[in-house]
C-alpha atoms as a PDB file:
ATOM      1  CA  MET A   1     136.885 109.308 171.636  1.00  0.00           C
ATOM      2  CA  LYS A   2     136.355 113.026 172.014  1.00  0.00           C
ATOM      3  CA  ILE A   3     133.696 114.863 170.005  1.00  0.00           C
ATOM      4  CA  LEU A   4     133.494 118.643 169.808  1.00  0.00           C
ATOM      5  CA  ILE A   5     130.100 120.034 168.749  1.00  0.00           C
ATOM      6  CA  ILE A   6     129.468 123.554 167.499  1.00  0.00           C
ATOM      7  CA  GLY A   7     125.806 124.637 167.528  1.00  0.00           C
ATOM      8  CA  SER A   8     124.927 122.325 170.410  1.00  0.00           C
ATOM      9  CA  SER A   9     122.010 124.427 171.670  1.00  0.00           C
ATOM     10  CA  GLY A  10     119.875 123.978 168.537  1.00  0.00           C
ATOM     11  CA  LEU A  11     117.212 121.338 167.939  1.00  0.00           C
ATOM     12  CA  ILE A  12     119.646 118.717 166.632  1.00  0.00           C
ATOM     13  CA  GLY A  13     122.547 119.569 168.920  1.00  0.00           C
ATOM     14  CA  SER A  14     120.484 119.476 172.110  1.00  0.00           C
ATOM     15  CA  GLU A  15     119.407 115.902 171.299  1.00  0.00           C
ATOM     16  CA  LEU A  16     122.723 114.762 169.854  1.00  0.00           C
ATOM     17  CA  VAL A  17     124.895 115.724 172.849  1.00  0.00           C
ATOM     18  CA  PRO A  18     123.203 113.439 175.438  1.00  0.00           C
ATOM     19  CA  TYR A  19     122.727 110.709 172.817  1.00  0.00           C
ATOM     20  CA  LEU A  20     126.457 110.539 172.007  1.00  0.00           C
ATOM     21  CA  GLN A  21     127.346 110.720 175.697  1.00  0.00           C
ATOM     22  CA  LYS A  22     125.187 107.653 176.297  1.00  0.00           C
ATOM     23  CA  GLN A  23     127.156 105.885 173.554  1.00  0.00           C
ATOM     24  CA  GLY A  24     130.331 106.415 175.567  1.00  0.00           C
ATOM     25  CA  PHE A  25     131.809 109.441 173.788  1.00  0.00           C
ATOM     26  CA  GLU A  26     133.288 112.391 175.625  1.00  0.00           C
ATOM     27  CA  VAL A  27     131.359 115.331 174.193  1.00  0.00           C
ATOM     28  CA  GLY A  28     132.374 118.985 174.359  1.00  0.00           C
ATOM     29  CA  ARG A  29     130.081 121.888 173.500  1.00  0.00           C
ATOM     30  CA  LEU A  30     131.986 124.752 171.901  1.00  0.00           C
ATOM     31  CA  LEU A  31     130.196 127.878 173.124  1.00  0.00           C
ATOM     32  CA  ARG A  32     130.487 131.605 172.374  1.00  0.00           C
ATOM     33  CA  ILE A  33     130.440 132.577 176.055  1.00  0.00           C
ATOM     34  CA  LYS A  34     133.601 132.447 178.145  1.00  0.00           C
ATOM     35  CA  GLN A  35     133.139 129.997 181.005  1.00  0.00           C
ATOM     36  CA  ALA A  36     134.984 127.512 183.132  1.00  0.00           C
ATOM     37  CA  GLN A  37     133.115 124.289 182.380  1.00  0.00           C
ATOM     38  CA  HIS A  38     132.964 124.223 178.568  1.00  0.00           C
ATOM     39  CA  PRO A  39     135.316 124.992 175.708  1.00  0.00           C
ATOM     40  CA  TYR A  40     134.595 128.403 174.165  1.00  0.00           C
ATOM     41  CA  TRP A  41     135.656 130.615 171.298  1.00  0.00           C
ATOM     42  CA  CYS A  42     135.491 134.215 170.164  1.00  0.00           C
ATOM     43  CA  VAL A  43     134.941 135.227 166.547  1.00  0.00           C
ATOM     44  CA  ASP A  44     136.170 138.837 166.640  1.00  0.00           C
ATOM     45  CA  PRO A  45     139.043 138.712 167.305  1.00  0.00           C
ATOM     46  CA  ILE A  46     139.295 135.008 166.625  1.00  0.00           C
ATOM     47  CA  SER A  47     140.473 132.919 169.564  1.00  0.00           C
ATOM     48  CA  PHE A  48     139.864 129.386 170.788  1.00  0.00           C
ATOM     49  CA  ASN A  49     139.968 127.985 174.310  1.00  0.00           C
ATOM     50  CA  LEU A  50     139.255 124.297 173.805  1.00  0.00           C
ATOM     51  CA  LYS A  51     140.424 123.102 177.237  1.00  0.00           C
ATOM     52  CA  GLU A  52     140.499 119.279 177.249  1.00  0.00           C
ATOM     53  CA  PHE A  53     139.092 119.246 173.688  1.00  0.00           C
ATOM     54  CA  ALA A  54     142.199 120.753 172.095  1.00  0.00           C
ATOM     55  CA  ASN A  55     142.642 117.555 170.050  1.00  0.00           C
ATOM     56  CA  PRO A  56     139.151 116.205 169.300  1.00  0.00           C
ATOM     57  CA  ASP A  57     138.794 113.003 167.299  1.00  0.00           C
ATOM     58  CA  ILE A  58     135.590 114.314 165.720  1.00  0.00           C
ATOM     59  CA  VAL A  59     134.241 117.804 165.047  1.00  0.00           C
ATOM     60  CA  ILE A  60     130.515 118.259 164.331  1.00  0.00           C
ATOM     61  CA  ASN A  61     129.560 121.718 163.068  1.00  0.00           C
ATOM     62  CA  LEU A  62     125.818 122.418 163.327  1.00  0.00           C
ATOM     63  CA  ALA A  63     126.076 126.210 163.678  1.00  0.00           C
ATOM     64  CA  GLY A  64     123.704 128.408 161.678  1.00  0.00           C
ATOM     65  CA  GLU A  65     120.766 130.703 162.365  1.00  0.00           C
ATOM     66  CA  ASN A  66     117.251 129.285 161.957  1.00  0.00           C
ATOM     67  CA  ILE A  67     116.344 129.653 158.294  1.00  0.00           C
ATOM     68  CA  ALA A  68     112.597 129.601 159.011  1.00  0.00           C
ATOM     69  CA  ASP A  69     112.691 132.346 161.643  1.00  0.00           C
ATOM     70  CA  GLY A  70     111.162 135.399 159.971  1.00  0.00           C
ATOM     71  CA  ARG A  71     110.810 136.821 156.444  1.00  0.00           C
ATOM     72  CA  TRP A  72     113.845 136.863 154.193  1.00  0.00           C
ATOM     73  CA  THR A  73     114.795 140.490 153.872  1.00  0.00           C
ATOM     74  CA  GLU A  74     118.158 141.169 152.247  1.00  0.00           C
ATOM     75  CA  SER A  75     119.741 141.778 155.652  1.00  0.00           C
ATOM     76  CA  ARG A  76     118.191 138.563 156.994  1.00  0.00           C
ATOM     77  CA  LYS A  77     119.569 136.601 154.052  1.00  0.00           C
ATOM     78  CA  GLN A  78     123.023 137.947 154.762  1.00  0.00           C
ATOM     79  CA  GLN A  79     122.700 136.899 158.419  1.00  0.00           C
ATOM     80  CA  LEU A  80     121.775 133.376 157.325  1.00  0.00           C
ATOM     81  CA  ILE A  81     124.793 133.262 155.028  1.00  0.00           C
ATOM     82  CA  ASP A  82     127.269 134.714 157.526  1.00  0.00           C
ATOM     83  CA  SER A  83     126.139 132.502 160.415  1.00  0.00           C
ATOM     84  CA  ARG A  84     126.984 129.456 158.288  1.00  0.00           C
ATOM     85  CA  ILE A  85     129.812 130.417 155.966  1.00  0.00           C
ATOM     86  CA  LYS A  86     131.937 132.611 158.237  1.00  0.00           C
ATOM     87  CA  THR A  87     131.648 130.226 161.164  1.00  0.00           C
ATOM     88  CA  THR A  88     132.531 127.196 159.049  1.00  0.00           C
ATOM     89  CA  LYS A  89     135.525 128.895 157.414  1.00  0.00           C
ATOM     90  CA  LEU A  90     136.917 129.900 160.804  1.00  0.00           C
ATOM     91  CA  LEU A  91     136.571 126.350 162.108  1.00  0.00           C
ATOM     92  CA  VAL A  92     138.146 124.861 158.995  1.00  0.00           C
ATOM     93  CA  GLU A  93     141.078 127.264 159.148  1.00  0.00           C
ATOM     94  CA  TYR A  94     141.720 126.355 162.791  1.00  0.00           C
ATOM     95  CA  PHE A  95     141.348 122.589 162.457  1.00  0.00           C
ATOM     96  CA  LYS A  96     143.382 122.346 159.256  1.00  0.00           C
ATOM     97  CA  HIS A  97     146.400 122.760 161.511  1.00  0.00           C
ATOM     98  CA  ASN A  98     145.075 120.322 164.105  1.00  0.00           C
ATOM     99  CA  PRO A  99     143.094 117.858 161.989  1.00  0.00           C
ATOM    100  CA  PRO A 100     140.412 115.611 163.517  1.00  0.00           C
ATOM    101  CA  ALA A 101     139.819 112.170 162.044  1.00  0.00           C
ATOM    102  CA  LEU A 102     136.261 113.174 161.082  1.00  0.00           C
ATOM    103  CA  PHE A 103     134.668 116.543 160.364  1.00  0.00           C
ATOM    104  CA  ILE A 104     130.868 116.496 160.014  1.00  0.00           C
ATOM    105  CA  ASN A 105     129.358 119.684 158.643  1.00  0.00           C
ATOM    106  CA  ALA A 106     125.661 120.499 158.559  1.00  0.00           C
ATOM    107  CA  SER A 107     123.891 121.173 155.281  1.00  0.00           C
ATOM    108  CA  ALA A 108     120.293 120.746 154.128  1.00  0.00           C
ATOM    109  CA  ILE A 109     118.158 119.154 151.426  1.00  0.00           C
ATOM    110  CA  GLY A 110     117.452 122.713 150.318  1.00  0.00           C
ATOM    111  CA  PHE A 111     120.575 121.976 148.243  1.00  0.00           C
ATOM    112  CA  TYR A 112     118.278 120.336 145.671  1.00  0.00           C
ATOM    113  CA  GLY A 113     115.695 123.130 145.526  1.00  0.00           C
ATOM    114  CA  GLU A 114     112.262 122.870 143.914  1.00  0.00           C
ATOM    115  CA  ARG A 115     112.101 119.546 142.025  1.00  0.00           C
ATOM    116  CA  GLY A 116     108.400 118.753 141.688  1.00  0.00           C
ATOM    117  CA  VAL A 117     107.853 114.973 141.568  1.00  0.00           C
ATOM    118  CA  GLU A 118     111.469 114.208 140.571  1.00  0.00           C
ATOM    119  CA  ILE A 119     113.266 111.919 143.036  1.00  0.00           C
ATOM    120  CA  VAL A 120     116.751 113.145 143.956  1.00  0.00           C
ATOM    121  CA  ASP A 121     119.670 111.709 145.919  1.00  0.00           C
ATOM    122  CA  GLU A 122     123.306 112.544 146.640  1.00  0.00           C
ATOM    123  CA  SER A 123     124.236 112.194 142.963  1.00  0.00           C
ATOM    124  CA  SER A 124     121.697 114.838 141.831  1.00  0.00           C
ATOM    125  CA  GLN A 125     122.579 118.361 140.742  1.00  0.00           C
ATOM    126  CA  PRO A 126     121.797 121.369 142.983  1.00  0.00           C
ATOM    127  CA  GLY A 127     118.900 123.764 142.500  1.00  0.00           C
ATOM    128  CA  THR A 128     119.129 127.461 141.700  1.00  0.00           C
ATOM    129  CA  ASP A 129     117.027 129.226 144.355  1.00  0.00           C
ATOM    130  CA  PHE A 130     118.276 130.928 147.526  1.00  0.00           C
ATOM    131  CA  VAL A 131     118.197 127.864 149.796  1.00  0.00           C
ATOM    132  CA  SER A 132     120.091 125.903 147.144  1.00  0.00           C
ATOM    133  CA  GLN A 133     122.762 128.561 146.792  1.00  0.00           C
ATOM    134  CA  LEU A 134     123.053 128.824 150.576  1.00  0.00           C
ATOM    135  CA  ALA A 135     123.573 125.060 150.936  1.00  0.00           C
ATOM    136  CA  GLN A 136     126.113 125.016 148.119  1.00  0.00           C
ATOM    137  CA  GLN A 137     128.123 127.828 149.720  1.00  0.00           C
ATOM    138  CA  TRP A 138     127.897 126.089 153.090  1.00  0.00           C
ATOM    139  CA  GLU A 139     129.260 122.841 151.705  1.00  0.00           C
ATOM    140  CA  ALA A 140     131.990 124.623 149.753  1.00  0.00           C
ATOM    141  CA  SER A 141     133.116 126.472 152.893  1.00  0.00           C
ATOM    142  CA  CYS A 142     134.165 123.220 154.592  1.00  0.00           C
ATOM    143  CA  ALA A 143     135.809 121.567 151.571  1.00  0.00           C
ATOM    144  CA  GLU A 144     139.380 122.471 152.557  1.00  0.00           C
ATOM    145  CA  ILE A 145     139.271 120.416 155.746  1.00  0.00           C
ATOM    146  CA  GLU A 146     139.175 117.176 153.753  1.00  0.00           C
ATOM    147  CA  SER A 147     142.557 115.445 153.570  1.00  0.00           C
ATOM    148  CA  THR A 148     144.247 112.105 154.045  1.00  0.00           C
ATOM    149  CA  ALA A 149     144.018 112.829 157.781  1.00  0.00           C
ATOM    150  CA  THR A 150     140.404 114.064 157.900  1.00  0.00           C
ATOM    151  CA  ARG A 151     137.269 112.442 156.520  1.00  0.00           C
ATOM    152  CA  LEU A 152     134.652 115.040 155.580  1.00  0.00           C
ATOM    153  CA  VAL A 153     130.910 114.365 155.724  1.00  0.00           C
ATOM    154  CA  LYS A 154     128.244 116.910 154.770  1.00  0.00           C
ATOM    155  CA  ILE A 155     124.862 115.935 156.223  1.00  0.00           C
ATOM    156  CA  ARG A 156     121.961 117.171 154.108  1.00  0.00           C
ATOM    157  CA  THR A 157     119.159 117.121 156.647  1.00  0.00           C
ATOM    158  CA  GLY A 158     115.459 117.153 155.854  1.00  0.00           C
ATOM    159  CA  ILE A 159     112.584 118.357 158.055  1.00  0.00           C
ATOM    160  CA  VAL A 160     113.435 117.108 161.550  1.00  0.00           C
ATOM    161  CA  LEU A 161     110.463 115.797 163.518  1.00  0.00           C
ATOM    162  CA  SER A 162     110.891 116.289 167.249  1.00  0.00           C
ATOM    163  CA  ASP A 163     108.604 117.071 170.172  1.00  0.00           C
ATOM    164  CA  LYS A 164     111.261 119.528 171.375  1.00  0.00           C
ATOM    165  CA  GLY A 165     110.791 122.118 168.621  1.00  0.00           C
ATOM    166  CA  GLY A 166     111.478 122.814 164.961  1.00  0.00           C
ATOM    167  CA  ALA A 167     108.861 122.651 162.212  1.00  0.00           C
ATOM    168  CA  LEU A 168     106.592 120.242 164.085  1.00  0.00           C
ATOM    169  CA  ALA A 169     106.290 122.577 167.084  1.00  0.00           C
ATOM    170  CA  LYS A 170     105.097 125.372 164.788  1.00  0.00           C
ATOM    171  CA  MET A 171     102.519 123.117 163.144  1.00  0.00           C
ATOM    172  CA  LEU A 172     101.022 121.674 166.310  1.00  0.00           C
ATOM    173  CA  PRO A 173      99.015 124.632 167.718  1.00  0.00           C
ATOM    174  CA  PRO A 174      96.626 125.112 164.750  1.00  0.00           C
ATOM    175  CA  PHE A 175      96.227 121.358 164.286  1.00  0.00           C
ATOM    176  CA  LYS A 176      95.445 120.841 167.970  1.00  0.00           C
ATOM    177  CA  PHE A 177      92.620 123.386 167.674  1.00  0.00           C
ATOM    178  CA  GLY A 178      91.259 121.687 164.563  1.00  0.00           C
ATOM    179  CA  LEU A 179      92.446 124.518 162.337  1.00  0.00           C
ATOM    180  CA  GLY A 180      95.100 122.579 160.433  1.00  0.00           C
ATOM    181  CA  GLY A 181      95.145 121.587 156.808  1.00  0.00           C
ATOM    182  CA  ARG A 182      97.289 121.279 153.741  1.00  0.00           C
ATOM    183  CA  ILE A 183      99.532 124.101 152.523  1.00  0.00           C
ATOM    184  CA  GLY A 184      98.847 125.220 148.962  1.00  0.00           C
ATOM    185  CA  ASN A 185      97.562 122.295 146.921  1.00  0.00           C
ATOM    186  CA  GLY A 186      99.247 119.863 149.313  1.00  0.00           C
ATOM    187  CA  GLN A 187     101.015 117.989 146.508  1.00  0.00           C
ATOM    188  CA  GLN A 188     104.520 119.225 147.358  1.00  0.00           C
ATOM    189  CA  PHE A 189     106.796 116.519 148.764  1.00  0.00           C
ATOM    190  CA  MET A 190     108.170 116.843 152.287  1.00  0.00           C
ATOM    191  CA  SER A 191     111.374 114.914 152.996  1.00  0.00           C
ATOM    192  CA  TRP A 192     111.571 114.396 156.745  1.00  0.00           C
ATOM    193  CA  ILE A 193     113.448 112.444 159.419  1.00  0.00           C
ATOM    194  CA  ASP A 194     112.638 111.535 163.009  1.00  0.00           C
ATOM    195  CA  ILE A 195     115.110 113.061 165.480  1.00  0.00           C
ATOM    196  CA  ASN A 196     115.902 109.590 166.860  1.00  0.00           C
ATOM    197  CA  ASP A 197     116.837 108.260 163.429  1.00  0.00           C
ATOM    198  CA  LEU A 198     118.912 111.379 162.821  1.00  0.00           C
ATOM    199  CA  CYS A 199     120.997 110.719 165.937  1.00  0.00           C
ATOM    200  CA  HIS A 200     121.325 107.031 165.021  1.00  0.00           C
ATOM    201  CA  ALA A 201     122.435 108.030 161.507  1.00  0.00           C
ATOM    202  CA  ILE A 202     125.182 110.318 162.807  1.00  0.00           C
ATOM    203  CA  LEU A 203     126.500 107.505 165.016  1.00  0.00           C
ATOM    204  CA  PHE A 204     126.353 105.194 161.982  1.00  0.00           C
ATOM    205  CA  ILE A 205     128.380 107.724 159.949  1.00  0.00           C
ATOM    206  CA  ILE A 206     130.971 107.905 162.732  1.00  0.00           C
ATOM    207  CA  GLU A 207     131.321 104.126 162.764  1.00  0.00           C
ATOM    208  CA  GLN A 208     131.244 103.530 159.003  1.00  0.00           C
ATOM    209  CA  LYS A 209     134.563 104.975 157.938  1.00  0.00           C
ATOM    210  CA  GLN A 210     133.901 104.377 154.245  1.00  0.00           C
ATOM    211  CA  LEU A 211     131.165 107.031 154.261  1.00  0.00           C
ATOM    212  CA  SER A 212     132.211 110.499 153.144  1.00  0.00           C
ATOM    213  CA  GLY A 213     130.971 113.483 151.162  1.00  0.00           C
ATOM    214  CA  ALA A 214     127.313 114.493 151.039  1.00  0.00           C
ATOM    215  CA  ILE A 215     124.865 112.203 152.840  1.00  0.00           C
ATOM    216  CA  ASN A 216     121.100 112.734 152.900  1.00  0.00           C
ATOM    217  CA  LEU A 217     119.523 112.459 156.345  1.00  0.00           C
ATOM    218  CA  VAL A 218     115.888 111.795 155.477  1.00  0.00           C
ATOM    219  CA  SER A 219     113.425 108.938 155.828  1.00  0.00           C
ATOM    220  CA  PRO A 220     113.221 106.641 152.783  1.00  0.00           C
ATOM    221  CA  HIS A 221     109.546 107.567 152.546  1.00  0.00           C
ATOM    222  CA  ALA A 222     108.930 111.217 151.736  1.00  0.00           C
ATOM    223  CA  VAL A 223     105.260 112.237 151.876  1.00  0.00           C
ATOM    224  CA  THR A 224     103.209 114.972 150.293  1.00  0.00           C
ATOM    225  CA  ASN A 225     102.079 117.853 152.449  1.00  0.00           C
ATOM    226  CA  GLN A 226      98.525 116.555 152.122  1.00  0.00           C
ATOM    227  CA  VAL A 227      99.515 113.142 153.493  1.00  0.00           C
ATOM    228  CA  PHE A 228     101.553 114.722 156.283  1.00  0.00           C
ATOM    229  CA  SER A 229      98.663 117.001 157.271  1.00  0.00           C
ATOM    230  CA  GLN A 230      96.231 114.083 157.385  1.00  0.00           C
ATOM    231  CA  ALA A 231      98.669 111.980 159.415  1.00  0.00           C
ATOM    232  CA  LEU A 232      99.177 114.754 161.959  1.00  0.00           C
ATOM    233  CA  SER A 233      95.428 115.337 162.229  1.00  0.00           C
ATOM    234  CA  LYS A 234      94.876 111.619 162.738  1.00  0.00           C
ATOM    235  CA  GLN A 235      97.512 111.477 165.477  1.00  0.00           C
ATOM    236  CA  LEU A 236      95.825 114.392 167.271  1.00  0.00           C
ATOM    237  CA  ASN A 237      92.316 113.088 166.552  1.00  0.00           C
ATOM    238  CA  ARG A 238      91.407 116.410 164.966  1.00  0.00           C
ATOM    239  CA  PRO A 239      89.890 117.330 161.579  1.00  0.00           C
ATOM    240  CA  CYS A 240      92.075 118.365 158.651  1.00  0.00           C
ATOM    241  CA  LEU A 241      89.795 120.868 156.986  1.00  0.00           C
ATOM    242  CA  LEU A 242      91.365 124.324 156.677  1.00  0.00           C
ATOM    243  CA  PRO A 243      93.992 124.660 153.951  1.00  0.00           C
ATOM    244  CA  LEU A 244      96.442 127.555 153.788  1.00  0.00           C
ATOM    245  CA  PRO A 245      96.087 128.819 150.196  1.00  0.00           C
ATOM    246  CA  ARG A 246      99.148 129.471 148.074  1.00  0.00           C
ATOM    247  CA  PHE A 247      98.449 133.189 147.765  1.00  0.00           C
ATOM    248  CA  MET A 248      98.214 133.480 151.564  1.00  0.00           C
ATOM    249  CA  VAL A 249     101.583 131.724 152.010  1.00  0.00           C
ATOM    250  CA  LYS A 250     103.174 134.212 149.608  1.00  0.00           C
ATOM    251  CA  LEU A 251     101.456 137.127 151.330  1.00  0.00           C
ATOM    252  CA  LEU A 252     102.494 136.067 154.837  1.00  0.00           C
ATOM    253  CA  PHE A 253     105.969 134.664 154.201  1.00  0.00           C
ATOM    254  CA  SER A 254     107.047 135.947 150.770  1.00  0.00           C
ATOM    255  CA  GLN A 255     110.135 134.153 149.366  1.00  0.00           C
ATOM    256  CA  MET A 256     110.635 132.085 152.516  1.00  0.00           C
ATOM    257  CA  GLY A 257     107.149 130.629 152.147  1.00  0.00           C
ATOM    258  CA  GLU A 258     107.689 129.768 148.494  1.00  0.00           C
ATOM    259  CA  GLU A 259     111.007 128.002 149.057  1.00  0.00           C
ATOM    260  CA  LEU A 260     110.303 126.302 152.403  1.00  0.00           C
ATOM    261  CA  LEU A 261     106.544 125.672 152.451  1.00  0.00           C
ATOM    262  CA  LEU A 262     105.515 125.377 148.806  1.00  0.00           C
ATOM    263  CA  ALA A 263     108.622 123.858 147.214  1.00  0.00           C
ATOM    264  CA  SER A 264     108.573 120.118 146.504  1.00  0.00           C
ATOM    265  CA  THR A 265     111.714 118.081 147.208  1.00  0.00           C
ATOM    266  CA  HIS A 266     111.510 114.284 147.156  1.00  0.00           C
ATOM    267  CA  VAL A 267     114.829 113.081 148.555  1.00  0.00           C
ATOM    268  CA  LYS A 268     116.159 109.533 148.970  1.00  0.00           C
ATOM    269  CA  PRO A 269     118.872 108.588 151.537  1.00  0.00           C
ATOM    270  CA  THR A 270     120.683 106.427 148.990  1.00  0.00           C
ATOM    271  CA  LYS A 271     124.109 106.441 150.655  1.00  0.00           C
ATOM    272  CA  LEU A 272     122.756 105.447 154.064  1.00  0.00           C
ATOM    273  CA  LEU A 273     120.621 102.649 152.617  1.00  0.00           C
ATOM    274  CA  ASP A 274     123.450 101.305 150.459  1.00  0.00           C
ATOM    275  CA  ALA A 275     125.704 101.244 153.551  1.00  0.00           C
ATOM    276  CA  GLY A 276     123.132  99.149 155.446  1.00  0.00           C
ATOM    277  CA  PHE A 277     121.591 101.741 157.767  1.00  0.00           C
ATOM    278  CA  GLN A 278     118.213 100.715 159.149  1.00  0.00           C
ATOM    279  CA  PHE A 279     115.622 103.363 160.006  1.00  0.00           C
ATOM    280  CA  GLU A 280     113.530 102.801 163.120  1.00  0.00           C
ATOM    281  CA  PHE A 281     110.927 105.382 162.060  1.00  0.00           C
ATOM    282  CA  GLU A 282     110.424 104.907 158.324  1.00  0.00           C
ATOM    283  CA  SER A 283     106.723 105.800 158.264  1.00  0.00           C
ATOM    284  CA  ILE A 284     105.375 109.249 159.039  1.00  0.00           C
ATOM    285  CA  GLN A 285     102.640 107.831 161.292  1.00  0.00           C
ATOM    286  CA  LYS A 286     105.156 105.916 163.417  1.00  0.00           C
ATOM    287  CA  SER A 287     107.306 109.022 163.875  1.00  0.00           C
ATOM    288  CA  LEU A 288     104.333 111.205 164.766  1.00  0.00           C
ATOM    289  CA  ALA A 289     103.149 108.585 167.265  1.00  0.00           C
ATOM    290  CA  MET A 290     106.537 108.916 168.961  1.00  0.00           C
ATOM    291  CA  GLN A 291     106.806 112.714 168.817  1.00  0.00           C
ATOM    292  CA  VAL A 292     103.187 113.806 169.332  1.00  0.00           C
ATOM    293  CA  LYS A 293     101.723 112.569 172.600  1.00  0.00           C
END
């Protein structure tokens, strides 16, 4: 089977490509730079050169600028929207006329927004803040690809733990120097997933043809920021003494800090569990032991 991946250079894509290749799939990376070895495309004007991936069995769209990279000015917000919505709409329009059997589109648990201690899953209603609206627009932008020929899956991913980058890489330096601690009061829930389980889950989705629609990619065991901070400190054998106060988060990061660092979202992967998926890294300490050496 042939799989075409868009956004293959990001944290998830860079791990997913070699993982799927090891499973025996032929994987193409759709790039924005014209070259001989990989399929490529141009957005303005729109053109595709898919080479041997002109008829992929599966399309996985992971494209989108890093939401945690810098303060959310109005222009930055628009960049975050455009990098997701415009790209997805262009892909959907192209592949509607050449439908793959499966179209997997990235989304995020930001869909649910700030929920406090409430436990949410795929059946829960969306939130109302910026990250929620962004996720809703993102998911809506791929809706038209779904048909009798194409199964559509929207993967709502939590905080991805990987030694290659992402949120964990940003947390490690202060914790390694013994300067880490909880954020705010530390009671906000963090819904996370180990990068290895994420790759396994995507393979599981490919194989389980009854799975469709929104699917949460998170560990069954969300933890509070306080518990996460203590677990990371324990793994590094460092103290966990210096909290980052709420007012400082707002001062440094403004709206981004409120919605990404202080918001509480306790998410359950109900669809995966009901389908029989087994997590290898259910506990935060086991994942950190794998990712933090």
